[in-house]
Amino acid sequence: MPLNPEILAVTYGVSSALSWGAGDFSGGFAARRSGVLTVVLCSQLLGGLLLVGLAIVFEEPLAPMRSLFYAAAAGLAGAIGLIALYRGLASGRMGIVAPLSAIVTAILPITMAMMTEGPPGGYQMSGFGLALIAVVLLSYEKSGSGLRWREIGLPLIAGTGFGLFFILINAAVQTGLLWPLVASRCASICLVGGVLLVRRSAMPMPRSLWPWICLAGLLDTSGNAFFALATQVGRLDISAVLASLYPAATVLLAWLVLKERLLHQQWMGVATALFALALITC
C-alpha cells in the first residue's frame, strides 16, 4: 500500500532536520580545531563526490539545463548564507544569531508556498508558529549584553540565503534529484573555495579530524537529499519549517556526546518542537 504523500513529506522533512543538525554538530566539532571555511570546503567536496557517485550508480539522466541553473543558484545562495552565518556566530551571540537566521529561513519558503500553493490548514499554521518558537528556545543562551547591529545584519543575510536555497532547490529537483544536487554543490564549492583563495585563510587539517569532516559531509548531503525529496512529494512550506528544526538534533547531540548542560529553555524548545511536529502532521 503506497504511503500518503503528506506523511512522506513530513518524514523526509524531519529526516533533513536530523541530518543537518547532526552534520552541524560534526562540522562544528571539527571547526573548533581548524578553520571553519576549510572544514566547510572539505566536507562539501566529500559530499559532492558522493553525489556524483550516486548519480552514476543509479544512472540518473542529466537534468535539463533550467533545473541545473536553479540548482547552481541555490548552491550559491546557500553558500552565501553559510558564510554569513558562521561570521555571525564568530562575532556575535549564538542565542541571537542562530534563531534569527532560522526564522528568516523558514519565513521565505512559507511566503512563497502561500503565494503559489495557497495557505495550509489551521493546525499546520499553528505548527509553523510553534516551530519558530522552538527554534528560538533551542538556540537560547545566557547573556546580559545589549543587541548589536552585526547580530541582526548577518543573520538576516544568512536566513535570506538559506531561504532562497530552499525555494530554488525546490524548483530544481522537480525533474531530477541527484544531478541538480551535484550542480548545487559544485556552485557552493566554487564560492567557498574562492573566498578561501582570496582571503588565503586555508588551514592544515589534522588527520584526527577527517572522520568528523567525512561525517559532516555525508550528513549535510543526506540533509539536502531528504529536503529535496520532501519538496518533491509535499508542500514547500511544510518541508522548510520541519527542516528548520535542525537545532534540536544539534543541541541533543551536544548533550549526549559532549555532556553539555542544556538550559531549561532548550528543553522547552525540544518539547515545543515535538508539539509543533504533531500539529504539522494533522
Protein backbone atom coordinates (compact mmCIF):
# COMPACT_ATOMS: atom_id res chain seq x y z
CA MET A 1 0.00 0.00 0.00
CA PRO A 2 1.60 3.33 -1.04
CA LEU A 3 2.26 5.85 1.70
CA ASN A 4 0.37 9.12 1.89
CA PRO A 5 2.43 11.87 0.18
CA GLU A 6 1.89 14.16 3.17
CA ILE A 7 3.29 11.52 5.54
CA LEU A 8 6.26 11.03 3.21
CA ALA A 9 6.87 14.79 3.07
CA VAL A 10 6.87 15.02 6.87
CA THR A 11 9.18 12.00 7.15
CA TYR A 12 11.63 13.45 4.66
CA GLY A 13 11.43 16.90 6.27
CA VAL A 14 12.19 15.54 9.74
CA SER A 15 14.99 13.42 8.27
CA SER A 16 16.54 16.52 6.71
CA ALA A 17 16.42 18.31 10.07
CA LEU A 18 18.05 15.36 11.84
CA SER A 19 20.73 15.05 9.14
CA TRP A 20 21.54 18.77 9.05
CA GLY A 21 21.54 19.03 12.83
CA ALA A 22 23.89 16.08 13.21
CA GLY A 23 26.02 17.41 10.36
CA ASP A 24 26.31 20.80 12.05
CA PHE A 25 27.38 19.04 15.24
CA SER A 26 30.08 17.05 13.40
CA GLY A 27 31.27 20.03 11.40
CA GLY A 28 31.23 22.28 14.46
CA PHE A 29 33.29 19.77 16.39
CA ALA A 30 35.90 19.78 13.62
CA ALA A 31 35.76 23.57 13.23
CA ARG A 32 36.76 24.01 16.87
CA ARG A 33 40.15 22.59 15.94
CA SER A 34 40.56 24.03 12.44
CA GLY A 35 39.32 26.87 10.24
CA VAL A 36 35.56 26.99 9.69
CA LEU A 37 35.71 27.61 5.94
CA THR A 38 38.34 24.91 5.50
CA VAL A 39 36.08 22.42 7.24
CA VAL A 40 33.10 23.53 5.16
CA LEU A 41 35.04 23.23 1.90
CA CYS A 42 36.43 19.77 2.70
CA SER A 43 33.06 18.41 3.85
CA GLN A 44 31.31 19.78 0.79
CA LEU A 45 33.93 18.31 -1.54
CA LEU A 46 33.39 14.88 0.02
CA GLY A 47 29.63 15.28 -0.19
CA GLY A 48 29.90 16.37 -3.81
CA LEU A 49 31.94 13.28 -4.71
CA LEU A 50 29.32 11.12 -3.00
CA LEU A 51 26.53 12.73 -5.03
CA VAL A 52 28.40 12.24 -8.32
CA GLY A 53 28.99 8.58 -7.44
CA LEU A 54 25.32 8.02 -6.62
CA ALA A 55 24.18 9.74 -9.81
CA ILE A 56 26.43 7.46 -11.86
CA VAL A 57 25.50 4.27 -9.97
CA PHE A 58 21.75 4.91 -10.27
CA GLU A 59 22.18 6.08 -13.89
CA GLU A 60 20.00 9.12 -13.34
CA PRO A 61 19.52 11.09 -16.57
CA LEU A 62 21.09 14.51 -16.65
CA ALA A 63 18.54 17.12 -15.61
CA PRO A 64 17.51 19.90 -18.03
CA MET A 65 19.71 22.99 -18.09
CA ARG A 66 16.92 25.02 -16.49
CA SER A 67 16.95 22.73 -13.44
CA LEU A 68 20.74 22.79 -13.25
CA PHE A 69 20.67 26.60 -13.39
CA TYR A 70 18.20 26.75 -10.50
CA ALA A 71 20.35 24.26 -8.59
CA ALA A 72 23.54 26.25 -9.12
CA ALA A 73 21.78 29.41 -7.98
CA ALA A 74 20.57 27.51 -4.91
CA GLY A 75 24.14 26.42 -4.17
CA LEU A 76 25.42 30.00 -4.39
CA ALA A 77 22.61 31.27 -2.15
CA GLY A 78 23.25 28.52 0.39
CA ALA A 79 26.99 29.18 0.42
CA ILE A 80 26.45 32.90 0.98
CA GLY A 81 24.08 32.06 3.80
CA LEU A 82 26.61 29.68 5.33
CA ILE A 83 29.44 32.22 5.22
CA ALA A 84 27.22 34.92 6.75
CA LEU A 85 26.00 32.54 9.45
CA TYR A 86 29.47 31.48 10.54
CA ARG A 87 30.68 35.09 10.51
CA GLY A 88 27.73 36.00 12.67
CA LEU A 89 28.37 33.13 15.06
CA ALA A 90 32.04 34.07 15.29
CA SER A 91 31.34 37.73 16.07
CA GLY A 92 28.00 37.61 17.87
CA ARG A 93 25.92 35.53 20.24
CA MET A 94 24.58 32.16 19.07
CA GLY A 95 21.40 32.73 21.07
CA ILE A 96 20.55 35.66 18.77
CA VAL A 97 22.29 34.79 15.51
CA ALA A 98 21.10 31.18 15.16
CA PRO A 99 17.35 31.60 15.82
CA LEU A 100 17.05 34.82 13.81
CA SER A 101 18.65 33.22 10.76
CA ALA A 102 16.49 30.10 11.14
CA ILE A 103 13.29 32.16 11.42
CA VAL A 104 14.09 34.15 8.26
CA THR A 105 14.98 30.86 6.55
CA ALA A 106 11.52 29.46 7.26
CA ILE A 107 9.54 32.64 6.53
CA LEU A 108 10.70 32.97 2.91
CA PRO A 109 9.55 29.48 1.75
CA ILE A 110 6.32 29.85 3.75
CA THR A 111 5.57 33.07 1.90
CA MET A 112 6.44 31.55 -1.47
CA ALA A 113 4.30 28.46 -0.83
CA MET A 114 1.31 30.56 0.22
CA MET A 115 1.60 32.56 -2.99
CA THR A 116 1.89 29.51 -5.25
CA GLU A 117 0.05 26.72 -3.39
CA GLY A 118 -2.34 28.61 -1.12
CA PRO A 119 -2.36 28.64 2.70
CA PRO A 120 -2.05 25.34 4.60
CA GLY A 121 -4.58 24.12 7.17
CA GLY A 122 -5.17 25.71 10.55
CA TYR A 123 -3.35 23.02 12.51
CA GLN A 124 -0.34 23.29 10.22
CA MET A 125 -0.24 27.09 10.55
CA SER A 126 -0.26 26.69 14.34
CA GLY A 127 2.54 24.15 14.00
CA PHE A 128 4.54 26.63 11.92
CA GLY A 129 4.28 29.23 14.68
CA LEU A 130 5.29 26.76 17.38
CA ALA A 131 8.20 25.54 15.26
CA LEU A 132 9.58 29.07 15.01
CA ILE A 133 9.23 29.48 18.77
CA ALA A 134 11.01 26.15 19.23
CA VAL A 135 13.96 27.37 17.15
CA VAL A 136 14.32 30.41 19.40
CA LEU A 137 14.18 28.28 22.56
CA LEU A 138 16.60 25.67 21.21
CA SER A 139 19.22 28.32 20.45
CA TYR A 140 18.84 30.12 23.79
CA GLU A 141 21.91 31.03 25.79
CA LYS A 142 22.50 33.26 28.79
CA SER A 143 23.74 36.75 28.00
CA GLY A 144 23.29 40.11 29.59
CA SER A 145 24.76 42.46 26.96
CA GLY A 146 22.71 44.59 24.60
CA LEU A 147 21.87 43.84 20.99
CA ARG A 148 24.48 44.73 18.37
CA TRP A 149 23.80 45.51 14.73
CA ARG A 150 26.07 42.72 13.49
CA GLU A 151 23.88 40.26 15.38
CA ILE A 152 20.97 41.37 13.18
CA GLY A 153 22.50 42.09 9.77
CA LEU A 154 24.48 38.87 9.27
CA PRO A 155 21.66 36.55 10.42
CA LEU A 156 19.30 38.32 8.03
CA ILE A 157 21.74 37.68 5.18
CA ALA A 158 22.20 34.07 6.31
CA GLY A 159 18.48 33.43 6.61
CA THR A 160 17.81 35.01 3.23
CA GLY A 161 20.50 32.84 1.64
CA PHE A 162 19.14 29.64 3.19
CA GLY A 163 15.55 30.59 2.40
CA LEU A 164 16.45 31.20 -1.24
CA PHE A 165 18.27 27.85 -1.25
CA PHE A 166 15.04 26.13 -0.16
CA ILE A 167 12.98 27.91 -2.82
CA LEU A 168 15.47 27.40 -5.66
CA ILE A 169 16.30 23.78 -4.88
CA ASN A 170 12.57 23.08 -4.78
CA ALA A 171 12.34 24.38 -8.36
CA ALA A 172 15.46 22.47 -9.41
CA VAL A 173 14.55 18.96 -8.24
CA GLN A 174 11.15 18.69 -9.90
CA THR A 175 12.78 16.98 -12.92
CA GLY A 176 15.55 15.09 -11.14
CA LEU A 177 17.30 14.70 -7.81
CA LEU A 178 20.98 13.78 -7.83
CA TRP A 179 22.34 15.85 -10.73
CA PRO A 180 20.66 19.06 -9.51
CA LEU A 181 22.19 18.43 -6.08
CA VAL A 182 25.57 17.92 -7.77
CA ALA A 183 25.19 21.25 -9.59
CA SER A 184 24.22 22.96 -6.34
CA ARG A 185 27.21 21.51 -4.55
CA CYS A 186 29.62 22.47 -7.34
CA ALA A 187 28.46 26.10 -7.19
CA SER A 188 28.82 26.27 -3.40
CA ILE A 189 32.26 24.65 -3.53
CA CYS A 190 33.43 27.21 -6.09
CA LEU A 191 32.20 30.10 -3.96
CA VAL A 192 33.63 28.86 -0.66
CA GLY A 193 36.89 27.88 -2.37
CA GLY A 194 37.08 31.32 -3.97
CA VAL A 195 36.62 33.03 -0.60
CA LEU A 196 39.39 30.90 0.89
CA LEU A 197 41.66 31.67 -2.06
CA VAL A 198 41.09 35.42 -1.83
CA ARG A 199 41.49 35.52 1.93
CA ARG A 200 44.33 32.96 1.91
CA SER A 201 42.91 31.60 5.13
CA ALA A 202 43.03 27.84 4.45
CA MET A 203 44.36 25.89 7.42
CA PRO A 204 46.03 22.45 7.57
CA MET A 205 43.67 19.64 8.52
CA PRO A 206 44.85 17.20 11.25
CA ARG A 207 44.23 13.54 10.46
CA SER A 208 42.16 13.13 13.61
CA LEU A 209 39.51 15.48 12.20
CA TRP A 210 38.91 13.67 8.93
CA PRO A 211 36.33 11.21 10.38
CA TRP A 212 34.30 14.18 11.66
CA ILE A 213 34.64 16.00 8.33
CA CYS A 214 33.57 12.91 6.39
CA LEU A 215 30.59 12.51 8.71
CA ALA A 216 29.68 16.19 8.29
CA GLY A 217 29.86 15.88 4.50
CA LEU A 218 27.74 12.71 4.48
CA LEU A 219 25.10 14.16 6.80
CA ASP A 220 24.92 17.52 5.01
CA THR A 221 24.49 15.74 1.70
CA SER A 222 21.81 13.50 3.21
CA GLY A 223 20.02 16.56 4.57
CA ASN A 224 19.98 18.17 1.13
CA ALA A 225 18.65 14.97 -0.44
CA PHE A 226 15.93 14.48 2.17
CA PHE A 227 14.81 18.10 1.81
CA ALA A 228 14.68 17.75 -1.97
CA LEU A 229 12.60 14.58 -1.62
CA ALA A 230 10.29 16.34 0.83
CA THR A 231 9.61 19.14 -1.64
CA GLN A 232 9.02 16.64 -4.45
CA VAL A 233 6.17 14.90 -2.63
CA GLY A 234 4.82 17.67 -0.38
CA ARG A 235 4.44 21.40 0.19
CA LEU A 236 7.48 23.65 0.25
CA ASP A 237 6.43 25.44 3.45
CA ILE A 238 5.96 22.23 5.45
CA SER A 239 9.33 20.90 4.27
CA ALA A 240 11.09 24.18 5.10
CA VAL A 241 9.59 24.54 8.58
CA LEU A 242 10.41 20.95 9.50
CA ALA A 243 13.96 21.32 8.16
CA SER A 244 14.40 24.50 10.22
CA LEU A 245 14.08 22.41 13.40
CA TYR A 246 17.65 21.12 12.89
CA PRO A 247 18.95 22.86 16.08
CA ALA A 248 17.08 20.20 18.08
CA ALA A 249 19.41 17.49 16.79
CA THR A 250 22.48 19.67 17.36
CA VAL A 251 21.72 20.52 21.00
CA LEU A 252 20.69 16.95 21.84
CA LEU A 253 23.94 15.58 20.39
CA ALA A 254 25.91 18.17 22.35
CA TRP A 255 24.13 16.95 25.47
CA LEU A 256 24.67 13.26 24.71
CA VAL A 257 28.21 13.30 23.28
CA LEU A 258 29.89 16.36 24.78
CA LYS A 259 27.89 16.26 28.04
CA GLU A 260 26.97 19.92 27.61
CA ARG A 261 24.33 21.09 30.06
CA LEU A 262 21.10 22.14 28.39
CA LEU A 263 19.20 25.11 29.79
CA HIS A 264 15.55 24.84 30.76
CA GLN A 265 14.67 26.96 27.74
CA GLN A 266 16.37 24.47 25.42
CA TRP A 267 14.46 21.53 26.92
CA MET A 268 11.29 23.58 26.41
CA GLY A 269 12.40 24.04 22.81
CA VAL A 270 12.68 20.27 22.32
CA ALA A 271 9.18 19.76 23.74
CA THR A 272 7.79 22.63 21.66
CA ALA A 273 9.38 21.18 18.51
CA LEU A 274 7.70 17.81 19.15
CA PHE A 275 4.34 19.50 19.71
CA ALA A 276 4.82 21.53 16.51
CA LEU A 277 5.61 18.33 14.61
CA ALA A 278 2.38 16.75 15.90
CA LEU A 279 0.33 19.74 14.69
CA ILE A 280 2.02 19.86 11.28
CA THR A 281 1.21 16.19 10.68
CA CYS A 282 -2.50 16.70 11.47
